[in-house]
């Protein structure tokens, strides 16, 4: 199983912003970059938890989800 991604630091989060904002057609104001970077790091950390969860090769999603 691959290891989970390394958490993003500020530089990495800003690199993600610089790469993705033009692709998504977003203009991020300078005053908001810190908050956007914080959210990018939070989402990356959550994704790391999901990717680190061990699953068998035969695991399949449930056909019906009930709360």
PDB file of N, CA and C in Angstrom:
ATOM      1  N   UNK A   1       0.851  -1.176   0.000  1.00  0.00           N
ATOM      2  CA  UNK A   1       0.000   0.000   0.000  1.00  0.00           C
ATOM      3  C   UNK A   1       0.894   1.236   0.000  1.00  0.00           C
ATOM      4  N   UNK A   2       0.582   2.246  -0.833  1.00  0.00           N
ATOM      5  CA  UNK A   2       1.398   3.459  -0.835  1.00  0.00           C
ATOM      6  C   UNK A   2       1.226   4.217   0.463  1.00  0.00           C
ATOM      7  N   UNK A   3       2.272   4.924   0.851  1.00  0.00           N
ATOM      8  CA  UNK A   3       2.186   5.722   2.077  1.00  0.00           C
ATOM      9  C   UNK A   3       1.338   6.965   1.823  1.00  0.00           C
ATOM     10  N   UNK A   4       0.692   7.488   2.880  1.00  0.00           N
ATOM     11  CA  UNK A   4      -0.136   8.680   2.700  1.00  0.00           C
ATOM     12  C   UNK A   4       0.724   9.878   2.303  1.00  0.00           C
ATOM     13  N   UNK A   5       0.110  10.848   1.623  1.00  0.00           N
ATOM     14  CA  UNK A   5       0.881  12.015   1.200  1.00  0.00           C
ATOM     15  C   UNK A   5       1.419  12.803   2.391  1.00  0.00           C
ATOM     16  N   UNK A   6       2.514  13.476   2.162  1.00  0.00           N
ATOM     17  CA  UNK A   6       3.102  14.328   3.198  1.00  0.00           C
ATOM     18  C   UNK A   6       2.231  15.572   3.338  1.00  0.00           C
ATOM     19  N   UNK A   7       1.908  15.978   4.582  1.00  0.00           N
ATOM     20  CA  UNK A   7       1.088  17.185   4.747  1.00  0.00           C
ATOM     21  C   UNK A   7       1.738  18.394   4.067  1.00  0.00           C
ATOM     22  N   UNK A   8       0.907  19.235   3.505  1.00  0.00           N
ATOM     23  CA  UNK A   8       1.409  20.421   2.821  1.00  0.00           C
ATOM     24  C   UNK A   8       1.872  21.474   3.812  1.00  0.00           C
ATOM     25  N   UNK A   9       2.977  22.125   3.510  1.00  0.00           N
ATOM     26  CA  UNK A   9       3.380  23.293   4.279  1.00  0.00           C
ATOM     27  C   UNK A   9       2.827  24.530   3.553  1.00  0.00           C
ATOM     28  N   UNK A  10       3.106  25.718   4.086  1.00  0.00           N
ATOM     29  CA  UNK A  10       2.580  26.938   3.466  1.00  0.00           C
ATOM     30  C   UNK A  10       3.031  27.080   2.020  1.00  0.00           C
ATOM     31  N   UNK A  11       4.302  26.769   1.761  1.00  0.00           N
ATOM     32  CA  UNK A  11       4.827  26.899   0.402  1.00  0.00           C
ATOM     33  C   UNK A  11       4.107  25.958  -0.560  1.00  0.00           C
ATOM     34  N   UNK A  12       3.879  24.734  -0.122  1.00  0.00           N
ATOM     35  CA  UNK A  12       3.175  23.765  -0.956  1.00  0.00           C
ATOM     36  C   UNK A  12       1.734  24.161  -1.209  1.00  0.00           C
ATOM     37  N   UNK A  13       1.072  24.689  -0.170  1.00  0.00           N
ATOM     38  CA  UNK A  13      -0.316  25.122  -0.330  1.00  0.00           C
ATOM     39  C   UNK A  13      -0.409  26.279  -1.317  1.00  0.00           C
ATOM     40  N   UNK A  14       0.526  27.207  -1.246  1.00  0.00           N
ATOM     41  CA  UNK A  14       0.511  28.336  -2.182  1.00  0.00           C
ATOM     42  C   UNK A  14       0.840  27.876  -3.608  1.00  0.00           C
ATOM     43  N   UNK A  15       1.667  26.847  -3.725  1.00  0.00           N
ATOM     44  CA  UNK A  15       1.948  26.296  -5.057  1.00  0.00           C
ATOM     45  C   UNK A  15       0.686  25.662  -5.649  1.00  0.00           C
ATOM     46  N   UNK A  16      -0.093  24.983  -4.806  1.00  0.00           N
ATOM     47  CA  UNK A  16      -1.353  24.404  -5.269  1.00  0.00           C
ATOM     48  C   UNK A  16      -2.297  25.517  -5.716  1.00  0.00           C
ATOM     49  N   UNK A  17      -2.381  26.574  -4.943  1.00  0.00           N
ATOM     50  CA  UNK A  17      -3.239  27.712  -5.295  1.00  0.00           C
ATOM     51  C   UNK A  17      -2.801  28.311  -6.626  1.00  0.00           C
ATOM     52  N   UNK A  18      -1.500  28.530  -6.770  1.00  0.00           N
ATOM     53  CA  UNK A  18      -0.979  29.123  -8.007  1.00  0.00           C
ATOM     54  C   UNK A  18      -1.263  28.244  -9.217  1.00  0.00           C
ATOM     55  N   UNK A  19      -1.243  26.930  -9.028  1.00  0.00           N
ATOM     56  CA  UNK A  19      -1.480  26.017 -10.143  1.00  0.00           C
ATOM     57  C   UNK A  19      -2.965  25.853 -10.459  1.00  0.00           C
ATOM     58  N   UNK A  20      -3.802  25.787  -9.433  1.00  0.00           N
ATOM     59  CA  UNK A  20      -5.205  25.442  -9.638  1.00  0.00           C
ATOM     60  C   UNK A  20      -6.114  26.634  -9.925  1.00  0.00           C
ATOM     61  N   UNK A  21      -5.820  27.790  -9.359  1.00  0.00           N
ATOM     62  CA  UNK A  21      -6.708  28.945  -9.542  1.00  0.00           C
ATOM     63  C   UNK A  21      -6.919  29.287 -11.019  1.00  0.00           C
ATOM     64  N   UNK A  22      -5.876  29.365 -11.836  1.00  0.00           N
ATOM     65  CA  UNK A  22      -6.107  29.658 -13.258  1.00  0.00           C
ATOM     66  C   UNK A  22      -6.894  28.553 -13.971  1.00  0.00           C
ATOM     67  N   UNK A  23      -6.640  27.300 -13.589  1.00  0.00           N
ATOM     68  CA  UNK A  23      -7.355  26.193 -14.219  1.00  0.00           C
ATOM     69  C   UNK A  23      -8.852  26.241 -13.902  1.00  0.00           C
ATOM     70  N   UNK A  24      -9.180  26.725 -12.702  1.00  0.00           N
ATOM     71  CA  UNK A  24     -10.574  26.822 -12.284  1.00  0.00           C
ATOM     72  C   UNK A  24     -11.199  28.168 -12.619  1.00  0.00           C
ATOM     73  N   UNK A  25     -10.407  29.071 -13.181  1.00  0.00           N
ATOM     74  CA  UNK A  25     -10.910  30.394 -13.529  1.00  0.00           C
ATOM     75  C   UNK A  25     -11.173  31.264 -12.306  1.00  0.00           C
ATOM     76  N   UNK A  26     -10.384  31.061 -11.243  1.00  0.00           N
ATOM     77  CA  UNK A  26     -10.574  31.815 -10.016  1.00  0.00           C
ATOM     78  C   UNK A  26      -9.541  32.928  -9.889  1.00  0.00           C
ATOM     79  N   UNK A  27      -9.998  34.069  -9.450  1.00  0.00           N
ATOM     80  CA  UNK A  27      -9.099  35.168  -9.112  1.00  0.00           C
ATOM     81  C   UNK A  27      -9.115  35.293  -7.596  1.00  0.00           C
ATOM     82  N   UNK A  28      -8.027  34.905  -6.949  1.00  0.00           N
ATOM     83  CA  UNK A  28      -7.964  34.928  -5.488  1.00  0.00           C
ATOM     84  C   UNK A  28      -7.230  36.188  -5.068  1.00  0.00           C
ATOM     85  N   UNK A  29      -7.935  37.029  -4.320  1.00  0.00           N
ATOM     86  CA  UNK A  29      -7.347  38.281  -3.855  1.00  0.00           C
ATOM     87  C   UNK A  29      -6.253  37.997  -2.826  1.00  0.00           C
ATOM     88  N   UNK A  30      -5.278  38.871  -2.791  1.00  0.00           N
ATOM     89  CA  UNK A  30      -4.135  38.713  -1.891  1.00  0.00           C
ATOM     90  C   UNK A  30      -4.579  38.571  -0.440  1.00  0.00           C
ATOM     91  N   UNK A  31      -5.578  39.333  -0.040  1.00  0.00           N
ATOM     92  CA  UNK A  31      -6.058  39.272   1.343  1.00  0.00           C
ATOM     93  C   UNK A  31      -6.639  37.909   1.714  1.00  0.00           C
ATOM     94  N   UNK A  32      -7.076  37.123   0.728  1.00  0.00           N
ATOM     95  CA  UNK A  32      -7.716  35.838   0.981  1.00  0.00           C
ATOM     96  C   UNK A  32      -6.773  34.655   0.831  1.00  0.00           C
ATOM     97  N   UNK A  33      -5.559  34.884   0.329  1.00  0.00           N
ATOM     98  CA  UNK A  33      -4.653  33.763   0.058  1.00  0.00           C
ATOM     99  C   UNK A  33      -4.316  32.955   1.308  1.00  0.00           C
ATOM    100  N   UNK A  34      -4.157  33.606   2.435  1.00  0.00           N
ATOM    101  CA  UNK A  34      -3.843  32.888   3.678  1.00  0.00           C
ATOM    102  C   UNK A  34      -4.967  31.946   4.078  1.00  0.00           C
ATOM    103  N   UNK A  35      -6.210  32.416   3.985  1.00  0.00           N
ATOM    104  CA  UNK A  35      -7.360  31.574   4.334  1.00  0.00           C
ATOM    105  C   UNK A  35      -7.528  30.437   3.336  1.00  0.00           C
ATOM    106  N   UNK A  36      -7.304  30.721   2.068  1.00  0.00           N
ATOM    107  CA  UNK A  36      -7.410  29.670   1.047  1.00  0.00           C
ATOM    108  C   UNK A  36      -6.307  28.629   1.273  1.00  0.00           C
ATOM    109  N   UNK A  37      -5.100  29.067   1.590  1.00  0.00           N
ATOM    110  CA  UNK A  37      -3.999  28.138   1.856  1.00  0.00           C
ATOM    111  C   UNK A  37      -4.317  27.261   3.060  1.00  0.00           C
ATOM    112  N   UNK A  38      -4.912  27.843   4.095  1.00  0.00           N
ATOM    113  CA  UNK A  38      -5.288  27.067   5.277  1.00  0.00           C
ATOM    114  C   UNK A  38      -6.292  25.982   4.897  1.00  0.00           C
ATOM    115  N   UNK A  39      -7.260  26.317   4.065  1.00  0.00           N
ATOM    116  CA  UNK A  39      -8.251  25.334   3.634  1.00  0.00           C
ATOM    117  C   UNK A  39      -7.633  24.253   2.751  1.00  0.00           C
ATOM    118  N   UNK A  40      -6.704  24.625   1.894  1.00  0.00           N
ATOM    119  CA  UNK A  40      -6.020  23.640   1.050  1.00  0.00           C
ATOM    120  C   UNK A  40      -5.266  22.646   1.940  1.00  0.00           C
ATOM    121  N   UNK A  41      -4.592  23.141   2.967  1.00  0.00           N
ATOM    122  CA  UNK A  41      -3.859  22.259   3.877  1.00  0.00           C
ATOM    123  C   UNK A  41      -4.811  21.364   4.663  1.00  0.00           C
ATOM    124  N   UNK A  42      -5.961  21.892   5.062  1.00  0.00           N
ATOM    125  CA  UNK A  42      -6.948  21.096   5.795  1.00  0.00           C
ATOM    126  C   UNK A  42      -7.501  19.973   4.922  1.00  0.00           C
ATOM    127  N   UNK A  43      -7.831  20.297   3.684  1.00  0.00           N
ATOM    128  CA  UNK A  43      -8.355  19.273   2.760  1.00  0.00           C
ATOM    129  C   UNK A  43      -7.285  18.221   2.462  1.00  0.00           C
ATOM    130  N   UNK A  44      -6.037  18.651   2.308  1.00  0.00           N
ATOM    131  CA  UNK A  44      -4.950  17.697   2.057  1.00  0.00           C
ATOM    132  C   UNK A  44      -4.773  16.756   3.248  1.00  0.00           C
ATOM    133  N   UNK A  45      -4.895  17.275   4.462  1.00  0.00           N
ATOM    134  CA  UNK A  45      -4.777  16.429   5.650  1.00  0.00           C
ATOM    135  C   UNK A  45      -5.928  15.429   5.717  1.00  0.00           C
ATOM    136  N   UNK A  46      -7.150  15.867   5.393  1.00  0.00           N
ATOM    137  CA  UNK A  46      -8.300  14.963   5.384  1.00  0.00           C
ATOM    138  C   UNK A  46      -8.125  13.886   4.309  1.00  0.00           C
ATOM    139  N   UNK A  47      -7.629  14.274   3.151  1.00  0.00           N
ATOM    140  CA  UNK A  47      -7.385  13.307   2.075  1.00  0.00           C
ATOM    141  C   UNK A  47      -6.341  12.287   2.507  1.00  0.00           C
ATOM    142  N   UNK A  48      -5.352  12.730   3.256  1.00  0.00           N
ATOM    143  CA  UNK A  48      -4.328  11.811   3.759  1.00  0.00           C
ATOM    144  C   UNK A  48      -4.919  10.744   4.664  1.00  0.00           C
ATOM    145  N   UNK A  49      -5.888  11.130   5.493  1.00  0.00           N
ATOM    146  CA  UNK A  49      -6.550  10.157   6.365  1.00  0.00           C
ATOM    147  C   UNK A  49      -7.317   9.124   5.544  1.00  0.00           C
ATOM    148  N   UNK A  50      -8.012   9.582   4.521  1.00  0.00           N
ATOM    149  CA  UNK A  50      -8.774   8.665   3.669  1.00  0.00           C
ATOM    150  C   UNK A  50      -7.824   7.720   2.933  1.00  0.00           C
ATOM    151  N   UNK A  51      -6.759   8.268   2.379  1.00  0.00           N
ATOM    152  CA  UNK A  51      -5.817   7.439   1.623  1.00  0.00           C
ATOM    153  C   UNK A  51      -5.064   6.451   2.510  1.00  0.00           C
ATOM    154  N   UNK A  52      -4.903   6.777   3.796  1.00  0.00           N
ATOM    155  CA  UNK A  52      -4.171   5.903   4.709  1.00  0.00           C
ATOM    156  C   UNK A  52      -5.030   4.757   5.232  1.00  0.00           C
ATOM    157  N   UNK A  53      -6.353   4.821   5.031  1.00  0.00           N
ATOM    158  CA  UNK A  53      -7.239   3.776   5.539  1.00  0.00           C
ATOM    159  C   UNK A  53      -7.028   2.495   4.746  1.00  0.00           C
ATOM    160  N   UNK A  54      -6.701   1.410   5.438  1.00  0.00           N
ATOM    161  CA  UNK A  54      -6.416   0.168   4.712  1.00  0.00           C
ATOM    162  C   UNK A  54      -7.698  -0.488   4.180  1.00  0.00           C
ATOM    163  N   UNK A  55      -7.677  -0.862   2.921  1.00  0.00           N
ATOM    164  CA  UNK A  55      -8.776  -1.585   2.298  1.00  0.00           C
ATOM    165  C   UNK A  55      -8.217  -2.828   1.616  1.00  0.00           C
ATOM    166  N   UNK A  56      -9.001  -3.899   1.666  1.00  0.00           N
ATOM    167  CA  UNK A  56      -8.626  -5.097   0.938  1.00  0.00           C
ATOM    168  C   UNK A  56      -8.784  -4.843  -0.554  1.00  0.00           C
ATOM    169  N   UNK A  57      -8.034  -5.590  -1.346  1.00  0.00           N
ATOM    170  CA  UNK A  57      -8.145  -5.461  -2.797  1.00  0.00           C
ATOM    171  C   UNK A  57      -9.540  -5.822  -3.290  1.00  0.00           C
ATOM    172  N   UNK A  58     -10.246  -6.662  -2.537  1.00  0.00           N
ATOM    173  CA  UNK A  58     -11.573  -7.106  -2.948  1.00  0.00           C
ATOM    174  C   UNK A  58     -12.684  -6.186  -2.435  1.00  0.00           C
ATOM    175  N   UNK A  59     -12.368  -5.148  -1.690  1.00  0.00           N
ATOM    176  CA  UNK A  59     -13.384  -4.262  -1.119  1.00  0.00           C
ATOM    177  C   UNK A  59     -14.167  -3.549  -2.217  1.00  0.00           C
ATOM    178  N   UNK A  60     -15.476  -3.488  -2.022  1.00  0.00           N
ATOM    179  CA  UNK A  60     -16.357  -2.812  -2.971  1.00  0.00           C
ATOM    180  C   UNK A  60     -17.302  -1.897  -2.198  1.00  0.00           C
ATOM    181  N   UNK A  61     -17.788  -0.839  -2.827  1.00  0.00           N
ATOM    182  CA  UNK A  61     -18.733   0.029  -2.120  1.00  0.00           C
ATOM    183  C   UNK A  61     -20.052  -0.683  -1.867  1.00  0.00           C
ATOM    184  N   UNK A  62     -20.731  -0.275  -0.808  1.00  0.00           N
ATOM    185  CA  UNK A  62     -22.033  -0.872  -0.497  1.00  0.00           C
ATOM    186  C   UNK A  62     -23.034  -0.450  -1.571  1.00  0.00           C
ATOM    187  N   UNK A  63     -23.960  -1.367  -1.943  1.00  0.00           N
ATOM    188  CA  UNK A  63     -24.948  -1.017  -2.977  1.00  0.00           C
ATOM    189  C   UNK A  63     -25.987  -0.024  -2.479  1.00  0.00           C
ATOM    190  N   UNK A  64     -26.232   0.008  -1.143  1.00  0.00           N
ATOM    191  CA  UNK A  64     -27.220   0.904  -0.559  1.00  0.00           C
ATOM    192  C   UNK A  64     -26.632   1.512   0.709  1.00  0.00           C
ATOM    193  N   UNK A  65     -26.776   2.818   0.862  1.00  0.00           N
ATOM    194  CA  UNK A  65     -26.294   3.501   2.050  1.00  0.00           C
ATOM    195  C   UNK A  65     -27.486   3.965   2.867  1.00  0.00           C
ATOM    196  N   UNK A  66     -27.485   3.633   4.140  1.00  0.00           N
ATOM    197  CA  UNK A  66     -28.549   4.066   5.043  1.00  0.00           C
ATOM    198  C   UNK A  66     -27.926   4.787   6.223  1.00  0.00           C
ATOM    199  N   UNK A  67     -28.571   5.864   6.645  1.00  0.00           N
ATOM    200  CA  UNK A  67     -28.077   6.625   7.791  1.00  0.00           C
ATOM    201  C   UNK A  67     -28.630   6.088   9.082  1.00  0.00           C
TER     202      UNK A  67
END
